[in-house]
Amino acid sequence: MSNILRYETGSDVPDILMMDTPEELKNATLVDPFSFTKDVPVLRIPARKNLKGQRSGLAFEGGFFEDTKTMLYDLLNDPRQETPISDTEVEKRLVRQMIELVRRNDAPREAFERLELAPDF
């Protein structure tokens, strides 16, 4: 059985994406179910890492954006994203909202780490 998934994009994006290899799955573990998995445990697979040791994923999962910066824009007043917002209070408010959304969606601790969020557990 092949470890390649075909993903037809209809664009210039490559249509072959690598799935987990047997080597990557050797360190997988079963963990407690999420609220939406009907009491079925889920498989935790360690994140891939790039050459710099940063967690990485597949291209369609944002895996190639390790070196980007976080930027905020007012899309209603700046739809072309030409003027980034630099407002600590706005950033803090959005981080609090992100933490609440991640919690509400029953995300594992690793999601908070990947997003560099620091919730109180």
PDB file of N, CA and C in Angstrom:
ATOM      1  N   MET A   1       0.842  -1.184   0.000  1.00  0.00           N
ATOM      2  CA  MET A   1       0.000   0.000   0.000  1.00  0.00           C
ATOM      3  C   MET A   1       0.888   1.250   0.000  1.00  0.00           C
ATOM      4  N   SER A   2       0.561   2.199  -0.817  1.00  0.00           N
ATOM      5  CA  SER A   2       1.360   3.412  -0.957  1.00  0.00           C
ATOM      6  C   SER A   2       1.071   4.408   0.158  1.00  0.00           C
ATOM      7  N   ASN A   3       2.061   5.216   0.498  1.00  0.00           N
ATOM      8  CA  ASN A   3       1.865   6.256   1.494  1.00  0.00           C
ATOM      9  C   ASN A   3       1.659   7.613   0.833  1.00  0.00           C
ATOM     10  N   ILE A   4       1.178   7.611  -0.392  1.00  0.00           N
ATOM     11  CA  ILE A   4       0.952   8.851  -1.130  1.00  0.00           C
ATOM     12  C   ILE A   4      -0.540   9.060  -1.319  1.00  0.00           C
ATOM     13  N   LEU A   5      -0.981  10.273  -1.037  1.00  0.00           N
ATOM     14  CA  LEU A   5      -2.368  10.663  -1.213  1.00  0.00           C
ATOM     15  C   LEU A   5      -2.445  11.598  -2.406  1.00  0.00           C
ATOM     16  N   ARG A   6      -3.347  11.317  -3.319  1.00  0.00           N
ATOM     17  CA  ARG A   6      -3.535  12.219  -4.456  1.00  0.00           C
ATOM     18  C   ARG A   6      -4.538  13.285  -4.044  1.00  0.00           C
ATOM     19  N   TYR A   7      -4.198  14.513  -4.319  1.00  0.00           N
ATOM     20  CA  TYR A   7      -5.032  15.641  -3.947  1.00  0.00           C
ATOM     21  C   TYR A   7      -5.113  16.557  -5.152  1.00  0.00           C
ATOM     22  N   GLU A   8      -6.236  16.540  -5.825  1.00  0.00           N
ATOM     23  CA  GLU A   8      -6.394  17.327  -7.036  1.00  0.00           C
ATOM     24  C   GLU A   8      -6.753  18.754  -6.666  1.00  0.00           C
ATOM     25  N   THR A   9      -5.897  19.703  -7.016  1.00  0.00           N
ATOM     26  CA  THR A   9      -6.119  21.087  -6.632  1.00  0.00           C
ATOM     27  C   THR A   9      -6.692  21.930  -7.756  1.00  0.00           C
ATOM     28  N   GLY A  10      -6.480  21.525  -8.981  1.00  0.00           N
ATOM     29  CA  GLY A  10      -6.944  22.334 -10.097  1.00  0.00           C
ATOM     30  C   GLY A  10      -6.120  23.606 -10.265  1.00  0.00           C
ATOM     31  N   SER A  11      -4.949  23.654  -9.661  1.00  0.00           N
ATOM     32  CA  SER A  11      -4.094  24.836  -9.780  1.00  0.00           C
ATOM     33  C   SER A  11      -2.661  24.383 -10.001  1.00  0.00           C
ATOM     34  N   ASP A  12      -1.728  25.292  -9.816  1.00  0.00           N
ATOM     35  CA  ASP A  12      -0.319  24.968  -9.988  1.00  0.00           C
ATOM     36  C   ASP A  12       0.279  24.255  -8.786  1.00  0.00           C
ATOM     37  N   VAL A  13      -0.510  24.073  -7.722  1.00  0.00           N
ATOM     38  CA  VAL A  13      -0.031  23.380  -6.531  1.00  0.00           C
ATOM     39  C   VAL A  13       0.153  21.907  -6.876  1.00  0.00           C
ATOM     40  N   PRO A  14       1.257  21.290  -6.458  1.00  0.00           N
ATOM     41  CA  PRO A  14       1.444  19.857  -6.749  1.00  0.00           C
ATOM     42  C   PRO A  14       0.265  19.045  -6.254  1.00  0.00           C
ATOM     43  N   ASP A  15      -0.109  18.024  -7.015  1.00  0.00           N
ATOM     44  CA  ASP A  15      -1.288  17.245  -6.640  1.00  0.00           C
ATOM     45  C   ASP A  15      -0.930  15.975  -5.881  1.00  0.00           C
ATOM     46  N   ILE A  16       0.302  15.827  -5.438  1.00  0.00           N
ATOM     47  CA  ILE A  16       0.699  14.668  -4.640  1.00  0.00           C
ATOM     48  C   ILE A  16       1.206  15.172  -3.300  1.00  0.00           C
ATOM     49  N   LEU A  17       0.616  14.690  -2.249  1.00  0.00           N
ATOM     50  CA  LEU A  17       1.004  15.090  -0.900  1.00  0.00           C
ATOM     51  C   LEU A  17       1.383  13.853  -0.117  1.00  0.00           C
ATOM     52  N   MET A  18       2.472  13.923   0.610  1.00  0.00           N
ATOM     53  CA  MET A  18       2.919  12.770   1.382  1.00  0.00           C
ATOM     54  C   MET A  18       2.079  12.609   2.644  1.00  0.00           C
ATOM     55  N   MET A  19       1.640  11.405   2.885  1.00  0.00           N
ATOM     56  CA  MET A  19       0.960  11.095   4.138  1.00  0.00           C
ATOM     57  C   MET A  19       2.012  10.578   5.110  1.00  0.00           C
ATOM     58  N   ASP A  20       1.588  10.170   6.269  1.00  0.00           N
ATOM     59  CA  ASP A  20       2.520   9.661   7.267  1.00  0.00           C
ATOM     60  C   ASP A  20       3.157   8.362   6.794  1.00  0.00           C
ATOM     61  N   THR A  21       4.463   8.269   6.981  1.00  0.00           N
ATOM     62  CA  THR A  21       5.203   7.080   6.591  1.00  0.00           C
ATOM     63  C   THR A  21       5.234   6.117   7.775  1.00  0.00           C
ATOM     64  N   PRO A  22       5.553   4.865   7.552  1.00  0.00           N
ATOM     65  CA  PRO A  22       5.673   3.927   8.676  1.00  0.00           C
ATOM     66  C   PRO A  22       6.658   4.426   9.729  1.00  0.00           C
ATOM     67  N   GLU A  23       7.750   5.067   9.298  1.00  0.00           N
ATOM     68  CA  GLU A  23       8.730   5.589  10.258  1.00  0.00           C
ATOM     69  C   GLU A  23       8.101   6.635  11.184  1.00  0.00           C
ATOM     70  N   GLU A  24       7.298   7.531  10.600  1.00  0.00           N
ATOM     71  CA  GLU A  24       6.643   8.570  11.405  1.00  0.00           C
ATOM     72  C   GLU A  24       5.604   7.976  12.362  1.00  0.00           C
ATOM     73  N   LEU A  25       4.982   6.907  11.943  1.00  0.00           N
ATOM     74  CA  LEU A  25       3.929   6.302  12.762  1.00  0.00           C
ATOM     75  C   LEU A  25       4.473   5.445  13.907  1.00  0.00           C
ATOM     76  N   LYS A  26       5.759   5.128  13.899  1.00  0.00           N
ATOM     77  CA  LYS A  26       6.329   4.301  14.968  1.00  0.00           C
ATOM     78  C   LYS A  26       6.198   4.946  16.333  1.00  0.00           C
ATOM     79  N   ASN A  27       6.176   6.275  16.399  1.00  0.00           N
ATOM     80  CA  ASN A  27       6.071   6.973  17.676  1.00  0.00           C
ATOM     81  C   ASN A  27       4.656   7.461  17.970  1.00  0.00           C
ATOM     82  N   ALA A  28       3.685   7.005  17.197  1.00  0.00           N
ATOM     83  CA  ALA A  28       2.299   7.397  17.422  1.00  0.00           C
ATOM     84  C   ALA A  28       1.746   6.694  18.660  1.00  0.00           C
ATOM     85  N   THR A  29       0.821   7.360  19.324  1.00  0.00           N
ATOM     86  CA  THR A  29       0.170   6.782  20.508  1.00  0.00           C
ATOM     87  C   THR A  29      -1.319   7.063  20.470  1.00  0.00           C
ATOM     88  N   LEU A  30      -2.080   6.189  21.093  1.00  0.00           N
ATOM     89  CA  LEU A  30      -3.511   6.443  21.253  1.00  0.00           C
ATOM     90  C   LEU A  30      -3.699   7.348  22.462  1.00  0.00           C
ATOM     91  N   VAL A  31      -4.561   8.348  22.311  1.00  0.00           N
ATOM     92  CA  VAL A  31      -4.842   9.267  23.412  1.00  0.00           C
ATOM     93  C   VAL A  31      -6.349   9.350  23.629  1.00  0.00           C
ATOM     94  N   ASP A  32      -6.714   9.947  24.740  1.00  0.00           N
ATOM     95  CA  ASP A  32      -8.132  10.062  25.085  1.00  0.00           C
ATOM     96  C   ASP A  32      -8.925  10.723  23.970  1.00  0.00           C
ATOM     97  N   PRO A  33     -10.195  10.362  23.869  1.00  0.00           N
ATOM     98  CA  PRO A  33     -11.038  10.950  22.824  1.00  0.00           C
ATOM     99  C   PRO A  33     -11.277  12.443  23.039  1.00  0.00           C
ATOM    100  N   PHE A  34     -11.621  13.112  21.954  1.00  0.00           N
ATOM    101  CA  PHE A  34     -12.091  14.489  22.023  1.00  0.00           C
ATOM    102  C   PHE A  34     -13.593  14.434  22.268  1.00  0.00           C
ATOM    103  N   SER A  35     -14.177  15.566  22.588  1.00  0.00           N
ATOM    104  CA  SER A  35     -15.619  15.609  22.853  1.00  0.00           C
ATOM    105  C   SER A  35     -16.437  15.208  21.626  1.00  0.00           C
ATOM    106  N   PHE A  36     -15.882  15.356  20.437  1.00  0.00           N
ATOM    107  CA  PHE A  36     -16.624  15.098  19.208  1.00  0.00           C
ATOM    108  C   PHE A  36     -16.283  13.755  18.553  1.00  0.00           C
ATOM    109  N   THR A  37     -15.465  12.899  19.204  1.00  0.00           N
ATOM    110  CA  THR A  37     -15.098  11.621  18.576  1.00  0.00           C
ATOM    111  C   THR A  37     -15.896  10.442  19.108  1.00  0.00           C
ATOM    112  N   LYS A  38     -17.001  10.715  19.787  1.00  0.00           N
ATOM    113  CA  LYS A  38     -17.941   9.679  20.246  1.00  0.00           C
ATOM    114  C   LYS A  38     -17.253   8.615  21.087  1.00  0.00           C
ATOM    115  N   ASP A  39     -16.410   9.058  22.036  1.00  0.00           N
ATOM    116  CA  ASP A  39     -15.684   8.182  22.955  1.00  0.00           C
ATOM    117  C   ASP A  39     -14.650   7.287  22.274  1.00  0.00           C
ATOM    118  N   VAL A  40     -14.271   7.615  21.053  1.00  0.00           N
ATOM    119  CA  VAL A  40     -13.255   6.843  20.341  1.00  0.00           C
ATOM    120  C   VAL A  40     -11.907   7.540  20.528  1.00  0.00           C
ATOM    121  N   PRO A  41     -10.884   6.822  21.006  1.00  0.00           N
ATOM    122  CA  PRO A  41      -9.567   7.449  21.148  1.00  0.00           C
ATOM    123  C   PRO A  41      -9.029   7.889  19.787  1.00  0.00           C
ATOM    124  N   VAL A  42      -8.091   8.805  19.821  1.00  0.00           N
ATOM    125  CA  VAL A  42      -7.489   9.293  18.574  1.00  0.00           C
ATOM    126  C   VAL A  42      -5.996   8.995  18.561  1.00  0.00           C
ATOM    127  N   LEU A  43      -5.426   8.996  17.384  1.00  0.00           N
ATOM    128  CA  LEU A  43      -4.011   8.700  17.203  1.00  0.00           C
ATOM    129  C   LEU A  43      -3.207   9.993  17.237  1.00  0.00           C
ATOM    130  N   ARG A  44      -2.288  10.100  18.178  1.00  0.00           N
ATOM    131  CA  ARG A  44      -1.392  11.262  18.246  1.00  0.00           C
ATOM    132  C   ARG A  44      -0.123  10.897  17.497  1.00  0.00           C
ATOM    133  N   ILE A  45       0.177  11.686  16.466  1.00  0.00           N
ATOM    134  CA  ILE A  45       1.366  11.463  15.644  1.00  0.00           C
ATOM    135  C   ILE A  45       2.294  12.652  15.867  1.00  0.00           C
ATOM    136  N   PRO A  46       3.535  12.410  16.269  1.00  0.00           N
ATOM    137  CA  PRO A  46       4.461  13.536  16.481  1.00  0.00           C
ATOM    138  C   PRO A  46       4.592  14.384  15.220  1.00  0.00           C
ATOM    139  N   ALA A  47       4.688  15.697  15.417  1.00  0.00           N
ATOM    140  CA  ALA A  47       4.785  16.624  14.287  1.00  0.00           C
ATOM    141  C   ALA A  47       6.091  16.434  13.537  1.00  0.00           C
ATOM    142  N   ARG A  48       6.024  16.626  12.235  1.00  0.00           N
ATOM    143  CA  ARG A  48       7.239  16.616  11.422  1.00  0.00           C
ATOM    144  C   ARG A  48       8.070  17.824  11.803  1.00  0.00           C
ATOM    145  N   LYS A  49       9.370  17.747  11.534  1.00  0.00           N
ATOM    146  CA  LYS A  49      10.253  18.890  11.781  1.00  0.00           C
ATOM    147  C   LYS A  49      11.036  19.183  10.511  1.00  0.00           C
ATOM    148  N   ASN A  50      11.268  20.469  10.276  1.00  0.00           N
ATOM    149  CA  ASN A  50      12.053  20.845   9.109  1.00  0.00           C
ATOM    150  C   ASN A  50      13.540  20.774   9.447  1.00  0.00           C
ATOM    151  N   LEU A  51      14.385  21.215   8.541  1.00  0.00           N
ATOM    152  CA  LEU A  51      15.831  21.130   8.762  1.00  0.00           C
ATOM    153  C   LEU A  51      16.302  21.981   9.931  1.00  0.00           C
ATOM    154  N   LYS A  52      15.539  23.006  10.293  1.00  0.00           N
ATOM    155  CA  LYS A  52      15.885  23.858  11.425  1.00  0.00           C
ATOM    156  C   LYS A  52      15.366  23.285  12.746  1.00  0.00           C
ATOM    157  N   GLY A  53      14.652  22.159  12.682  1.00  0.00           N
ATOM    158  CA  GLY A  53      14.097  21.565  13.888  1.00  0.00           C
ATOM    159  C   GLY A  53      12.753  22.145  14.280  1.00  0.00           C
ATOM    160  N   GLN A  54      12.193  23.019  13.426  1.00  0.00           N
ATOM    161  CA  GLN A  54      10.886  23.589  13.702  1.00  0.00           C
ATOM    162  C   GLN A  54       9.803  22.593  13.306  1.00  0.00           C
ATOM    163  N   ARG A  55       8.714  22.592  14.084  1.00  0.00           N
ATOM    164  CA  ARG A  55       7.592  21.734  13.694  1.00  0.00           C
ATOM    165  C   ARG A  55       7.093  22.173  12.338  1.00  0.00           C
ATOM    166  N   SER A  56       6.764  21.204  11.513  1.00  0.00           N
ATOM    167  CA  SER A  56       6.350  21.479  10.156  1.00  0.00           C
ATOM    168  C   SER A  56       5.263  20.493   9.770  1.00  0.00           C
ATOM    169  N   GLY A  57       4.561  20.790   8.709  1.00  0.00           N
ATOM    170  CA  GLY A  57       3.520  19.893   8.226  1.00  0.00           C
ATOM    171  C   GLY A  57       3.558  19.850   6.721  1.00  0.00           C
ATOM    172  N   LEU A  58       2.467  19.429   6.158  1.00  0.00           N
ATOM    173  CA  LEU A  58       2.349  19.423   4.710  1.00  0.00           C
ATOM    174  C   LEU A  58       2.046  20.834   4.240  1.00  0.00           C
ATOM    175  N   ALA A  59       2.300  21.098   2.968  1.00  0.00           N
ATOM    176  CA  ALA A  59       2.113  22.447   2.437  1.00  0.00           C
ATOM    177  C   ALA A  59       0.696  22.947   2.688  1.00  0.00           C
ATOM    178  N   PHE A  60      -0.324  22.109   2.490  1.00  0.00           N
ATOM    179  CA  PHE A  60      -1.688  22.575   2.662  1.00  0.00           C
ATOM    180  C   PHE A  60      -2.058  22.733   4.135  1.00  0.00           C
ATOM    181  N   GLU A  61      -1.201  22.314   5.055  1.00  0.00           N
ATOM    182  CA  GLU A  61      -1.432  22.490   6.483  1.00  0.00           C
ATOM    183  C   GLU A  61      -0.660  23.695   7.022  1.00  0.00           C
ATOM    184  N   GLY A  62      -0.071  24.486   6.159  1.00  0.00           N
ATOM    185  CA  GLY A  62       0.732  25.618   6.603  1.00  0.00           C
ATOM    186  C   GLY A  62       2.145  25.220   6.954  1.00  0.00           C
ATOM    187  N   GLY A  63       2.576  24.060   6.485  1.00  0.00           N
ATOM    188  CA  GLY A  63       3.883  23.547   6.848  1.00  0.00           C
ATOM    189  C   GLY A  63       5.067  24.303   6.306  1.00  0.00           C
ATOM    190  N   PHE A  64       4.854  25.199   5.372  1.00  0.00           N
ATOM    191  CA  PHE A  64       5.976  25.919   4.793  1.00  0.00           C
ATOM    192  C   PHE A  64       6.023  27.374   5.239  1.00  0.00           C
ATOM    193  N   PHE A  65       5.409  27.701   6.367  1.00  0.00           N
ATOM    194  CA  PHE A  65       5.346  29.082   6.799  1.00  0.00           C
ATOM    195  C   PHE A  65       6.109  29.330   8.095  1.00  0.00           C
ATOM    196  N   GLU A  66       7.126  28.530   8.404  1.00  0.00           N
ATOM    197  CA  GLU A  66       7.826  28.657   9.673  1.00  0.00           C
ATOM    198  C   GLU A  66       8.515  30.006   9.850  1.00  0.00           C
ATOM    199  N   ASP A  67       8.966  30.629   8.782  1.00  0.00           N
ATOM    200  CA  ASP A  67       9.744  31.856   8.889  1.00  0.00           C
ATOM    201  C   ASP A  67       8.927  33.118   8.635  1.00  0.00           C
ATOM    202  N   THR A  68       7.617  33.006   8.611  1.00  0.00           N
ATOM    203  CA  THR A  68       6.800  34.184   8.361  1.00  0.00           C
ATOM    204  C   THR A  68       6.571  34.962   9.648  1.00  0.00           C
ATOM    205  N   LYS A  69       6.088  36.171   9.516  1.00  0.00           N
ATOM    206  CA  LYS A  69       5.769  37.011  10.665  1.00  0.00           C
ATOM    207  C   LYS A  69       4.253  37.089  10.811  1.00  0.00           C
ATOM    208  N   THR A  70       3.810  37.320  12.030  1.00  0.00           N
ATOM    209  CA  THR A  70       2.398  37.571  12.258  1.00  0.00           C
ATOM    210  C   THR A  70       2.130  39.042  12.003  1.00  0.00           C
ATOM    211  N   MET A  71       1.134  39.308  11.194  1.00  0.00           N
ATOM    212  CA  MET A  71       0.773  40.689  10.871  1.00  0.00           C
ATOM    213  C   MET A  71      -0.737  40.826  11.040  1.00  0.00           C
ATOM    214  N   LEU A  72      -1.178  41.970  11.555  1.00  0.00           N
ATOM    215  CA  LEU A  72      -2.596  42.267  11.700  1.00  0.00           C
ATOM    216  C   LEU A  72      -2.972  43.393  10.747  1.00  0.00           C
ATOM    217  N   TYR A  73      -4.158  43.250  10.132  1.00  0.00           N
ATOM    218  CA  TYR A  73      -4.662  44.283   9.235  1.00  0.00           C
ATOM    219  C   TYR A  73      -6.135  44.507   9.519  1.00  0.00           C
ATOM    220  N   ASP A  74      -6.595  45.707   9.285  1.00  0.00           N
ATOM    221  CA  ASP A  74      -8.013  46.039   9.345  1.00  0.00           C
ATOM    222  C   ASP A  74      -8.555  45.822   7.934  1.00  0.00           C
ATOM    223  N   LEU A  75      -9.162  44.667   7.705  1.00  0.00           N
ATOM    224  CA  LEU A  75      -9.572  44.310   6.346  1.00  0.00           C
ATOM    225  C   LEU A  75     -10.725  45.160   5.822  1.00  0.00           C
ATOM    226  N   LEU A  76     -11.522  45.742   6.724  1.00  0.00           N
ATOM    227  CA  LEU A  76     -12.599  46.612   6.259  1.00  0.00           C
ATOM    228  C   LEU A  76     -12.045  47.930   5.722  1.00  0.00           C
ATOM    229  N   ASN A  77     -11.087  48.500   6.434  1.00  0.00           N
ATOM    230  CA  ASN A  77     -10.527  49.794   6.038  1.00  0.00           C
ATOM    231  C   ASN A  77      -9.240  49.687   5.223  1.00  0.00           C
ATOM    232  N   ASP A  78      -8.644  48.508   5.195  1.00  0.00           N
ATOM    233  CA  ASP A  78      -7.380  48.295   4.484  1.00  0.00           C
ATOM    234  C   ASP A  78      -7.416  46.939   3.771  1.00  0.00           C
ATOM    235  N   PRO A  79      -8.357  46.773   2.819  1.00  0.00           N
ATOM    236  CA  PRO A  79      -8.530  45.460   2.177  1.00  0.00           C
ATOM    237  C   PRO A  79      -7.311  44.976   1.398  1.00  0.00           C
ATOM    238  N   ARG A  80      -6.425  45.887   1.015  1.00  0.00           N
ATOM    239  CA  ARG A  80      -5.224  45.490   0.269  1.00  0.00           C
ATOM    240  C   ARG A  80      -4.068  45.153   1.210  1.00  0.00           C
ATOM    241  N   GLN A  81      -4.323  45.241   2.511  1.00  0.00           N
ATOM    242  CA  GLN A  81      -3.329  44.899   3.534  1.00  0.00           C
ATOM    243  C   GLN A  81      -2.015  45.644   3.308  1.00  0.00           C
ATOM    244  N   GLU A  82      -2.118  46.942   3.245  1.00  0.00           N
ATOM    245  CA  GLU A  82      -0.942  47.778   3.020  1.00  0.00           C
ATOM    246  C   GLU A  82      -0.394  48.404   4.303  1.00  0.00           C
ATOM    247  N   THR A  83      -1.243  48.491   5.343  1.00  0.00           N
ATOM    248  CA  THR A  83      -0.831  49.151   6.576  1.00  0.00           C
ATOM    249  C   THR A  83      -1.069  48.231   7.767  1.00  0.00           C
ATOM    250  N   PRO A  84      -0.046  47.537   8.233  1.00  0.00           N
ATOM    251  CA  PRO A  84      -0.237  46.636   9.376  1.00  0.00           C
ATOM    252  C   PRO A  84      -0.588  47.410  10.646  1.00  0.00           C
ATOM    253  N   ILE A  85      -1.372  46.777  11.500  1.00  0.00           N
ATOM    254  CA  ILE A  85      -1.744  47.356  12.789  1.00  0.00           C
ATOM    255  C   ILE A  85      -0.671  46.973  13.793  1.00  0.00           C
ATOM    256  N   SER A  86      -0.234  47.947  14.558  1.00  0.00           N
ATOM    257  CA  SER A  86       0.711  47.679  15.641  1.00  0.00           C
ATOM    258  C   SER A  86       0.073  48.204  16.923  1.00  0.00           C
ATOM    259  N   ASP A  87      -0.711  47.346  17.565  1.00  0.00           N
ATOM    260  CA  ASP A  87      -1.461  47.744  18.756  1.00  0.00           C
ATOM    261  C   ASP A  87      -1.448  46.585  19.739  1.00  0.00           C
ATOM    262  N   THR A  88      -0.676  46.713  20.796  1.00  0.00           N
ATOM    263  CA  THR A  88      -0.518  45.639  21.779  1.00  0.00           C
ATOM    264  C   THR A  88      -1.836  45.210  22.385  1.00  0.00           C
ATOM    265  N   GLU A  89      -2.712  46.152  22.671  1.00  0.00           N
ATOM    266  CA  GLU A  89      -4.007  45.815  23.284  1.00  0.00           C
ATOM    267  C   GLU A  89      -4.875  45.001  22.324  1.00  0.00           C
ATOM    268  N   VAL A  90      -4.870  45.356  21.054  1.00  0.00           N
ATOM    269  CA  VAL A  90      -5.628  44.591  20.058  1.00  0.00           C
ATOM    270  C   VAL A  90      -5.051  43.182  19.963  1.00  0.00           C
ATOM    271  N   GLU A  91      -3.733  43.058  19.934  1.00  0.00           N
ATOM    272  CA  GLU A  91      -3.094  41.740  19.863  1.00  0.00           C
ATOM    273  C   GLU A  91      -3.459  40.897  21.081  1.00  0.00           C
ATOM    274  N   LYS A  92      -3.419  41.490  22.271  1.00  0.00           N
ATOM    275  CA  LYS A  92      -3.775  40.747  23.491  1.00  0.00           C
ATOM    276  C   LYS A  92      -5.225  40.270  23.442  1.00  0.00           C
ATOM    277  N   ARG A  93      -6.124  41.144  22.987  1.00  0.00           N
ATOM    278  CA  ARG A  93      -7.541  40.769  22.887  1.00  0.00           C
ATOM    279  C   ARG A  93      -7.719  39.608  21.907  1.00  0.00           C
ATOM    280  N   LEU A  94      -7.045  39.670  20.766  1.00  0.00           N
ATOM    281  CA  LEU A  94      -7.166  38.599  19.773  1.00  0.00           C
ATOM    282  C   LEU A  94      -6.561  37.296  20.277  1.00  0.00           C
ATOM    283  N   VAL A  95      -5.468  37.361  21.016  1.00  0.00           N
ATOM    284  CA  VAL A  95      -4.876  36.148  21.592  1.00  0.00           C
ATOM    285  C   VAL A  95      -5.849  35.514  22.583  1.00  0.00           C
ATOM    286  N   ARG A  96      -6.476  36.335  23.435  1.00  0.00           N
ATOM    287  CA  ARG A  96      -7.474  35.792  24.380  1.00  0.00           C
ATOM    288  C   ARG A  96      -8.619  35.120  23.627  1.00  0.00           C
ATOM    289  N   GLN A  97      -9.074  35.744  22.546  1.00  0.00           N
ATOM    290  CA  GLN A  97     -10.145  35.153  21.742  1.00  0.00           C
ATOM    291  C   GLN A  97      -9.698  33.842  21.094  1.00  0.00           C
ATOM    292  N   MET A  98      -8.453  33.800  20.610  1.00  0.00           N
ATOM    293  CA  MET A  98      -7.936  32.562  20.014  1.00  0.00           C
ATOM    294  C   MET A  98      -7.884  31.445  21.052  1.00  0.00           C
ATOM    295  N   ILE A  99      -7.409  31.759  22.258  1.00  0.00           N
ATOM    296  CA  ILE A  99      -7.342  30.755  23.318  1.00  0.00           C
ATOM    297  C   ILE A  99      -8.737  30.200  23.597  1.00  0.00           C
ATOM    298  N   GLU A 100      -9.718  31.085  23.674  1.00  0.00           N
ATOM    299  CA  GLU A 100     -11.093  30.638  23.936  1.00  0.00           C
ATOM    300  C   GLU A 100     -11.608  29.747  22.811  1.00  0.00           C
ATOM    301  N   LEU A 101     -11.339  30.111  21.572  1.00  0.00           N
ATOM    302  CA  LEU A 101     -11.790  29.297  20.440  1.00  0.00           C
ATOM    303  C   LEU A 101     -11.095  27.936  20.402  1.00  0.00           C
ATOM    304  N   VAL A 102      -9.794  27.920  20.687  1.00  0.00           N
ATOM    305  CA  VAL A 102      -9.064  26.651  20.689  1.00  0.00           C
ATOM    306  C   VAL A 102      -9.606  25.753  21.798  1.00  0.00           C
ATOM    307  N   ARG A 103      -9.849  26.322  22.967  1.00  0.00           N
ATOM    308  CA  ARG A 103     -10.447  25.545  24.070  1.00  0.00           C
ATOM    309  C   ARG A 103     -11.822  25.024  23.692  1.00  0.00           C
ATOM    310  N   ARG A 104     -12.654  25.912  23.152  1.00  0.00           N
ATOM    311  CA  ARG A 104     -14.036  25.553  22.813  1.00  0.00           C
ATOM    312  C   ARG A 104     -14.079  24.408  21.803  1.00  0.00           C
ATOM    313  N   ASN A 105     -13.045  24.308  20.986  1.00  0.00           N
ATOM    314  CA  ASN A 105     -13.002  23.253  19.977  1.00  0.00           C
ATOM    315  C   ASN A 105     -12.238  22.021  20.436  1.00  0.00           C
ATOM    316  N   ASP A 106     -12.009  21.927  21.748  1.00  0.00           N
ATOM    317  CA  ASP A 106     -11.441  20.728  22.360  1.00  0.00           C
ATOM    318  C   ASP A 106     -10.072  20.362  21.783  1.00  0.00           C
ATOM    319  N   ALA A 107      -9.273  21.374  21.489  1.00  0.00           N
ATOM    320  CA  ALA A 107      -7.955  21.121  20.913  1.00  0.00           C
ATOM    321  C   ALA A 107      -6.996  20.586  21.970  1.00  0.00           C
ATOM    322  N   PRO A 108      -6.051  19.756  21.568  1.00  0.00           N
ATOM    323  CA  PRO A 108      -5.063  19.239  22.519  1.00  0.00           C
ATOM    324  C   PRO A 108      -4.042  20.309  22.892  1.00  0.00           C
ATOM    325  N   ARG A 109      -3.278  20.053  23.943  1.00  0.00           N
ATOM    326  CA  ARG A 109      -2.244  20.995  24.394  1.00  0.00           C
ATOM    327  C   ARG A 109      -1.284  21.365  23.263  1.00  0.00           C
ATOM    328  N   GLU A 110      -0.994  20.411  22.398  1.00  0.00           N
ATOM    329  CA  GLU A 110      -0.052  20.669  21.304  1.00  0.00           C
ATOM    330  C   GLU A 110      -0.534  21.805  20.397  1.00  0.00           C
ATOM    331  N   ALA A 111      -1.834  21.965  20.252  1.00  0.00           N
ATOM    332  CA  ALA A 111      -2.347  23.056  19.419  1.00  0.00           C
ATOM    333  C   ALA A 111      -1.990  24.405  20.030  1.00  0.00           C
ATOM    334  N   PHE A 112      -2.078  24.495  21.354  1.00  0.00           N
ATOM    335  CA  PHE A 112      -1.708  25.737  22.021  1.00  0.00           C
ATOM    336  C   PHE A 112      -0.213  26.010  21.831  1.00  0.00           C
ATOM    337  N   GLU A 113       0.589  24.966  21.943  1.00  0.00           N
ATOM    338  CA  GLU A 113       2.035  25.124  21.773  1.00  0.00           C
ATOM    339  C   GLU A 113       2.375  25.570  20.359  1.00  0.00           C
ATOM    340  N   ARG A 114       1.752  24.926  19.366  1.00  0.00           N
ATOM    341  CA  ARG A 114       2.032  25.252  17.974  1.00  0.00           C
ATOM    342  C   ARG A 114       1.657  26.697  17.660  1.00  0.00           C
ATOM    343  N   LEU A 115       0.571  27.171  18.253  1.00  0.00           N
ATOM    344  CA  LEU A 115       0.117  28.543  18.027  1.00  0.00           C
ATOM    345  C   LEU A 115       0.773  29.543  18.978  1.00  0.00           C
ATOM    346  N   GLU A 116       1.671  29.024  19.836  1.00  0.00           N
ATOM    347  CA  GLU A 116       2.371  29.837  20.826  1.00  0.00           C
ATOM    348  C   GLU A 116       1.399  30.608  21.708  1.00  0.00           C
ATOM    349  N   LEU A 117       0.367  29.894  22.159  1.00  0.00           N
ATOM    350  CA  LEU A 117      -0.622  30.447  23.085  1.00  0.00           C
ATOM    351  C   LEU A 117      -0.323  29.900  24.467  1.00  0.00           C
ATOM    352  N   ALA A 118      -0.521  30.691  25.482  1.00  0.00           N
ATOM    353  CA  ALA A 118      -0.213  30.269  26.842  1.00  0.00           C
ATOM    354  C   ALA A 118      -1.471  30.284  27.711  1.00  0.00           C
ATOM    355  N   PRO A 119      -2.322  29.272  27.584  1.00  0.00           N
ATOM    356  CA  PRO A 119      -3.545  29.242  28.397  1.00  0.00           C
ATOM    357  C   PRO A 119      -3.243  28.718  29.805  1.00  0.00           C
ATOM    358  N   ASP A 120      -4.160  28.986  30.709  1.00  0.00           N
ATOM    359  CA  ASP A 120      -4.069  28.413  32.040  1.00  0.00           C
ATOM    360  C   ASP A 120      -4.829  27.091  32.013  1.00  0.00           C
ATOM    361  N   PHE A 121      -4.126  25.990  32.274  1.00  0.00           N
ATOM    362  CA  PHE A 121      -4.801  24.685  32.292  1.00  0.00           C
ATOM    363  C   PHE A 121      -5.209  24.345  33.691  1.00  0.00           C
TER     364      PHE A 121
END
